Amino acid sequence: MDQWGKRVYNFARRYANDDHFANEVVQQTFIQAFEKLDQLKDPTKLQSGLYRIASNNCISQGRRLARRRQLEENGLIHTPDPANPSQVVERKELRDMVLKVLQMIPPEQRQVIIMKEYEGLKFREIAGILEASENTIKARMYYGLDAKRKIMIQNKLNKDLYYE
């Protein structure tokens, strides 16, 4: 649980750049995985199953947050401002900038970039998790990285600083 919990958390955190979001996704992912544990016929597919559930939960949670933001903007609900954090170290600032850039990339491309670049999965594994062909995954990776590069150029960010 600790090993997979951290991986799922990191995946969700990178997807949304939000700790609360990531914790919600982890909790929901493991609840769903536990409920479906008896359906797991091949234990070697646990990783791909967890990432698939987490990926779906990221999308669902993202939709819920988008609806909530829309309600906040329309003045239908109010969320108190979070406390301002103290000065953040330079590395965290850089990481946050990368995560902000990732937020501007379409979700399908963002998922592939996170799984490939941050989680170290192979295209074949990502294709299995997302139930898409390897060529589709490679295309999403290409277009996602291209979108990331364009956003960074548009915002005058030095690309060398943002590759971890």
C-alpha atoms as a PDB file:
ATOM      1  CA  MET A   1       0.000   0.000   0.000  1.00  0.00           C
ATOM      2  CA  ASP A   2       2.753   2.485   0.924  1.00  0.00           C
ATOM      3  CA  GLN A   3       4.647   1.798  -2.309  1.00  0.00           C
ATOM      4  CA  TRP A   4       1.576   2.162  -4.526  1.00  0.00           C
ATOM      5  CA  GLY A   5       0.011   4.930  -2.469  1.00  0.00           C
ATOM      6  CA  LYS A   6       3.023   7.147  -3.031  1.00  0.00           C
ATOM      7  CA  ARG A   7       3.070   6.409  -6.760  1.00  0.00           C
ATOM      8  CA  VAL A   8      -0.626   7.113  -7.170  1.00  0.00           C
ATOM      9  CA  TYR A   9      -0.263  10.279  -5.083  1.00  0.00           C
ATOM     10  CA  ASN A  10       2.669  11.506  -7.210  1.00  0.00           C
ATOM     11  CA  PHE A  11       0.735  10.763 -10.392  1.00  0.00           C
ATOM     12  CA  ALA A  12      -2.331  12.680  -9.191  1.00  0.00           C
ATOM     13  CA  ARG A  13      -0.229  15.525  -7.746  1.00  0.00           C
ATOM     14  CA  ARG A  14       1.524  16.016 -11.051  1.00  0.00           C
ATOM     15  CA  TYR A  15      -1.760  15.780 -12.908  1.00  0.00           C
ATOM     16  CA  ALA A  16      -3.430  18.565 -10.950  1.00  0.00           C
ATOM     17  CA  ASN A  17      -0.654  20.355  -9.036  1.00  0.00           C
ATOM     18  CA  ASP A  18      -2.794  20.190  -5.899  1.00  0.00           C
ATOM     19  CA  ASP A  19      -2.177  18.213  -2.688  1.00  0.00           C
ATOM     20  CA  HIS A  20      -5.824  17.988  -1.678  1.00  0.00           C
ATOM     21  CA  PHE A  21      -6.781  16.796  -5.167  1.00  0.00           C
ATOM     22  CA  ALA A  22      -4.046  14.137  -5.057  1.00  0.00           C
ATOM     23  CA  ASN A  23      -5.124  12.881  -1.631  1.00  0.00           C
ATOM     24  CA  GLU A  24      -8.736  12.599  -2.801  1.00  0.00           C
ATOM     25  CA  VAL A  25      -7.651  10.660  -5.883  1.00  0.00           C
ATOM     26  CA  VAL A  26      -5.491   8.279  -3.810  1.00  0.00           C
ATOM     27  CA  GLN A  27      -8.310   7.614  -1.374  1.00  0.00           C
ATOM     28  CA  GLN A  28     -10.869   7.021  -4.109  1.00  0.00           C
ATOM     29  CA  THR A  29      -8.448   4.887  -6.134  1.00  0.00           C
ATOM     30  CA  PHE A  30      -7.715   2.506  -3.278  1.00  0.00           C
ATOM     31  CA  ILE A  31     -11.367   2.257  -2.280  1.00  0.00           C
ATOM     32  CA  GLN A  32     -12.248   1.271  -5.841  1.00  0.00           C
ATOM     33  CA  ALA A  33      -9.260  -1.070  -6.143  1.00  0.00           C
ATOM     34  CA  PHE A  34     -10.191  -2.797  -2.885  1.00  0.00           C
ATOM     35  CA  GLU A  35     -13.787  -3.206  -4.043  1.00  0.00           C
ATOM     36  CA  LYS A  36     -12.579  -4.838  -7.278  1.00  0.00           C
ATOM     37  CA  LEU A  37      -9.719  -6.867  -5.786  1.00  0.00           C
ATOM     38  CA  ASP A  38     -11.602 -10.141  -6.228  1.00  0.00           C
ATOM     39  CA  GLN A  39     -11.800  -9.436  -9.982  1.00  0.00           C
ATOM     40  CA  LEU A  40      -8.000  -9.252 -10.300  1.00  0.00           C
ATOM     41  CA  LYS A  41      -7.020 -12.495 -12.009  1.00  0.00           C
ATOM     42  CA  ASP A  42      -3.407 -11.613 -12.756  1.00  0.00           C
ATOM     43  CA  PRO A  43      -1.484  -9.967  -9.871  1.00  0.00           C
ATOM     44  CA  THR A  44       1.116  -8.676 -12.345  1.00  0.00           C
ATOM     45  CA  LYS A  45      -1.558  -6.319 -13.695  1.00  0.00           C
ATOM     46  CA  LEU A  46      -2.006  -4.552 -10.349  1.00  0.00           C
ATOM     47  CA  GLN A  47       0.144  -1.587 -11.428  1.00  0.00           C
ATOM     48  CA  SER A  48      -1.732  -0.979 -14.659  1.00  0.00           C
ATOM     49  CA  GLY A  49      -5.055  -1.430 -12.864  1.00  0.00           C
ATOM     50  CA  LEU A  50      -4.178   1.122 -10.186  1.00  0.00           C
ATOM     51  CA  TYR A  51      -2.962   3.658 -12.745  1.00  0.00           C
ATOM     52  CA  ARG A  52      -6.110   3.135 -14.818  1.00  0.00           C
ATOM     53  CA  ILE A  53      -8.341   3.732 -11.795  1.00  0.00           C
ATOM     54  CA  ALA A  54      -6.225   6.734 -10.735  1.00  0.00           C
ATOM     55  CA  SER A  55      -6.329   8.152 -14.251  1.00  0.00           C
ATOM     56  CA  ASN A  56     -10.118   7.913 -14.362  1.00  0.00           C
ATOM     57  CA  ASN A  57     -10.352   9.440 -10.890  1.00  0.00           C
ATOM     58  CA  CYS A  58      -8.123  12.355 -11.941  1.00  0.00           C
ATOM     59  CA  ILE A  59     -10.443  13.083 -14.832  1.00  0.00           C
ATOM     60  CA  SER A  60     -13.571  12.805 -12.656  1.00  0.00           C
ATOM     61  CA  GLN A  61     -12.103  14.870  -9.830  1.00  0.00           C
ATOM     62  CA  GLY A  62     -10.935  17.472 -12.367  1.00  0.00           C
ATOM     63  CA  ARG A  63     -14.474  17.785 -13.708  1.00  0.00           C
ATOM     64  CA  ARG A  64     -15.865  18.204 -10.191  1.00  0.00           C
ATOM     65  CA  LEU A  65     -13.296  20.911  -9.439  1.00  0.00           C
ATOM     66  CA  ALA A  66     -14.068  22.701 -12.703  1.00  0.00           C
ATOM     67  CA  ARG A  67     -17.778  22.730 -11.826  1.00  0.00           C
ATOM     68  CA  ARG A  68     -16.964  24.012  -8.329  1.00  0.00           C
ATOM     69  CA  ARG A  69     -14.768  26.799  -9.741  1.00  0.00           C
ATOM     70  CA  GLN A  70     -17.563  27.778 -12.092  1.00  0.00           C
ATOM     71  CA  LEU A  71     -19.961  28.010  -9.150  1.00  0.00           C
ATOM     72  CA  GLU A  72     -17.419  30.083  -7.204  1.00  0.00           C
ATOM     73  CA  GLU A  73     -16.957  32.453 -10.146  1.00  0.00           C
ATOM     74  CA  ASN A  74     -20.719  32.874 -10.418  1.00  0.00           C
ATOM     75  CA  GLY A  75     -20.853  33.713  -6.719  1.00  0.00           C
ATOM     76  CA  LEU A  76     -22.977  30.681  -5.878  1.00  0.00           C
ATOM     77  CA  ILE A  77     -20.448  29.331  -3.349  1.00  0.00           C
ATOM     78  CA  HIS A  78     -17.552  30.898  -1.491  1.00  0.00           C
ATOM     79  CA  THR A  79     -14.280  29.274  -0.503  1.00  0.00           C
ATOM     80  CA  PRO A  80     -12.018  31.091   1.951  1.00  0.00           C
ATOM     81  CA  ASP A  81      -8.615  32.150   0.660  1.00  0.00           C
ATOM     82  CA  PRO A  82      -5.853  29.724   1.646  1.00  0.00           C
ATOM     83  CA  ALA A  83      -3.122  31.028   3.952  1.00  0.00           C
ATOM     84  CA  ASN A  84      -0.164  32.468   2.094  1.00  0.00           C
ATOM     85  CA  PRO A  85       2.764  30.048   2.352  1.00  0.00           C
ATOM     86  CA  SER A  86       6.164  31.296   3.441  1.00  0.00           C
ATOM     87  CA  GLN A  87       8.977  31.698   0.959  1.00  0.00           C
ATOM     88  CA  VAL A  88       9.431  28.544  -1.136  1.00  0.00           C
ATOM     89  CA  VAL A  89      12.799  27.125  -2.125  1.00  0.00           C
ATOM     90  CA  GLU A  90      13.908  27.608  -5.709  1.00  0.00           C
ATOM     91  CA  ARG A  91      13.533  23.935  -6.643  1.00  0.00           C
ATOM     92  CA  LYS A  92       9.924  23.877  -5.516  1.00  0.00           C
ATOM     93  CA  GLU A  93       9.222  27.025  -7.520  1.00  0.00           C
ATOM     94  CA  LEU A  94      10.673  25.409 -10.630  1.00  0.00           C
ATOM     95  CA  ARG A  95       8.666  22.243 -10.042  1.00  0.00           C
ATOM     96  CA  ASP A  96       5.528  24.307  -9.560  1.00  0.00           C
ATOM     97  CA  MET A  97       6.166  26.138 -12.836  1.00  0.00           C
ATOM     98  CA  VAL A  98       6.508  22.824 -14.666  1.00  0.00           C
ATOM     99  CA  LEU A  99       3.289  21.579 -13.097  1.00  0.00           C
ATOM    100  CA  LYS A 100       1.500  24.787 -14.104  1.00  0.00           C
ATOM    101  CA  VAL A 101       2.657  24.315 -17.668  1.00  0.00           C
ATOM    102  CA  LEU A 102       1.396  20.721 -17.541  1.00  0.00           C
ATOM    103  CA  GLN A 103      -2.022  22.015 -16.457  1.00  0.00           C
ATOM    104  CA  MET A 104      -2.284  23.905 -19.747  1.00  0.00           C
ATOM    105  CA  ILE A 105      -1.866  20.725 -21.791  1.00  0.00           C
ATOM    106  CA  PRO A 106      -4.960  18.659 -22.718  1.00  0.00           C
ATOM    107  CA  PRO A 107      -5.679  15.907 -20.140  1.00  0.00           C
ATOM    108  CA  GLU A 108      -5.000  12.945 -22.470  1.00  0.00           C
ATOM    109  CA  GLN A 109      -1.583  14.326 -23.370  1.00  0.00           C
ATOM    110  CA  ARG A 110      -0.853  15.310 -19.764  1.00  0.00           C
ATOM    111  CA  GLN A 111      -1.586  11.767 -18.549  1.00  0.00           C
ATOM    112  CA  VAL A 112       0.852  10.260 -21.028  1.00  0.00           C
ATOM    113  CA  ILE A 113       3.612  12.762 -20.212  1.00  0.00           C
ATOM    114  CA  ILE A 114       3.233  12.131 -16.482  1.00  0.00           C
ATOM    115  CA  MET A 115       3.184   8.355 -16.866  1.00  0.00           C
ATOM    116  CA  LYS A 116       6.174   8.336 -19.221  1.00  0.00           C
ATOM    117  CA  GLU A 117       8.385  11.111 -17.861  1.00  0.00           C
ATOM    118  CA  TYR A 118       7.593  11.044 -14.151  1.00  0.00           C
ATOM    119  CA  GLU A 119       6.422   7.496 -13.491  1.00  0.00           C
ATOM    120  CA  GLY A 120       8.886   5.868 -15.898  1.00  0.00           C
ATOM    121  CA  LEU A 121       6.325   3.664 -17.619  1.00  0.00           C
ATOM    122  CA  LYS A 122       6.880   2.289 -21.110  1.00  0.00           C
ATOM    123  CA  PHE A 123       4.606   3.195 -24.003  1.00  0.00           C
ATOM    124  CA  ARG A 124       3.288  -0.381 -24.026  1.00  0.00           C
ATOM    125  CA  GLU A 125       2.358  -0.139 -20.335  1.00  0.00           C
ATOM    126  CA  ILE A 126       0.706   3.248 -20.791  1.00  0.00           C
ATOM    127  CA  ALA A 127      -1.262   1.893 -23.757  1.00  0.00           C
ATOM    128  CA  GLY A 128      -2.557  -0.942 -21.572  1.00  0.00           C
ATOM    129  CA  ILE A 129      -3.489   1.380 -18.725  1.00  0.00           C
ATOM    130  CA  LEU A 130      -5.297   3.886 -20.942  1.00  0.00           C
ATOM    131  CA  GLU A 131      -6.719   1.205 -23.242  1.00  0.00           C
ATOM    132  CA  ALA A 132      -5.323   2.826 -26.376  1.00  0.00           C
ATOM    133  CA  SER A 133      -2.880   1.733 -29.061  1.00  0.00           C
ATOM    134  CA  GLU A 134       0.839   2.334 -28.624  1.00  0.00           C
ATOM    135  CA  ASN A 135       0.795   4.635 -31.646  1.00  0.00           C
ATOM    136  CA  THR A 136      -1.975   6.707 -30.060  1.00  0.00           C
ATOM    137  CA  ILE A 137       0.066   6.982 -26.867  1.00  0.00           C
ATOM    138  CA  LYS A 138       3.182   7.998 -28.816  1.00  0.00           C
ATOM    139  CA  ALA A 139       1.152  10.628 -30.683  1.00  0.00           C
ATOM    140  CA  ARG A 140      -0.245  11.997 -27.416  1.00  0.00           C
ATOM    141  CA  MET A 141       3.290  12.164 -26.043  1.00  0.00           C
ATOM    142  CA  TYR A 142       4.564  13.984 -29.132  1.00  0.00           C
ATOM    143  CA  TYR A 143       1.711  16.499 -29.218  1.00  0.00           C
ATOM    144  CA  GLY A 144       1.848  16.956 -25.447  1.00  0.00           C
ATOM    145  CA  LEU A 145       5.574  17.707 -25.446  1.00  0.00           C
ATOM    146  CA  ASP A 146       5.096  20.016 -28.416  1.00  0.00           C
ATOM    147  CA  ALA A 147       2.307  21.860 -26.581  1.00  0.00           C
ATOM    148  CA  LYS A 148       4.507  22.075 -23.472  1.00  0.00           C
ATOM    149  CA  ARG A 149       7.360  23.535 -25.524  1.00  0.00           C
ATOM    150  CA  LYS A 150       5.073  26.102 -27.177  1.00  0.00           C
ATOM    151  CA  ILE A 151       3.613  27.174 -23.828  1.00  0.00           C
ATOM    152  CA  MET A 152       7.093  27.594 -22.394  1.00  0.00           C
ATOM    153  CA  ILE A 153       8.217  29.655 -25.396  1.00  0.00           C
ATOM    154  CA  GLN A 154       5.046  31.726 -25.232  1.00  0.00           C
ATOM    155  CA  ASN A 155       5.672  32.424 -21.549  1.00  0.00           C
ATOM    156  CA  LYS A 156       9.406  32.960 -22.149  1.00  0.00           C
ATOM    157  CA  LEU A 157      10.450  30.081 -19.903  1.00  0.00           C
ATOM    158  CA  ASN A 158      13.846  28.464 -20.350  1.00  0.00           C
ATOM    159  CA  LYS A 159      13.105  24.855 -21.314  1.00  0.00           C
ATOM    160  CA  ASP A 160      16.391  23.584 -19.851  1.00  0.00           C
ATOM    161  CA  LEU A 161      15.278  24.618 -16.371  1.00  0.00           C
ATOM    162  CA  TYR A 162      12.081  22.614 -16.473  1.00  0.00           C
ATOM    163  CA  TYR A 163      13.207  19.152 -17.439  1.00  0.00           C
ATOM    164  CA  GLU A 164      13.750  17.092 -14.318  1.00  0.00           C
END
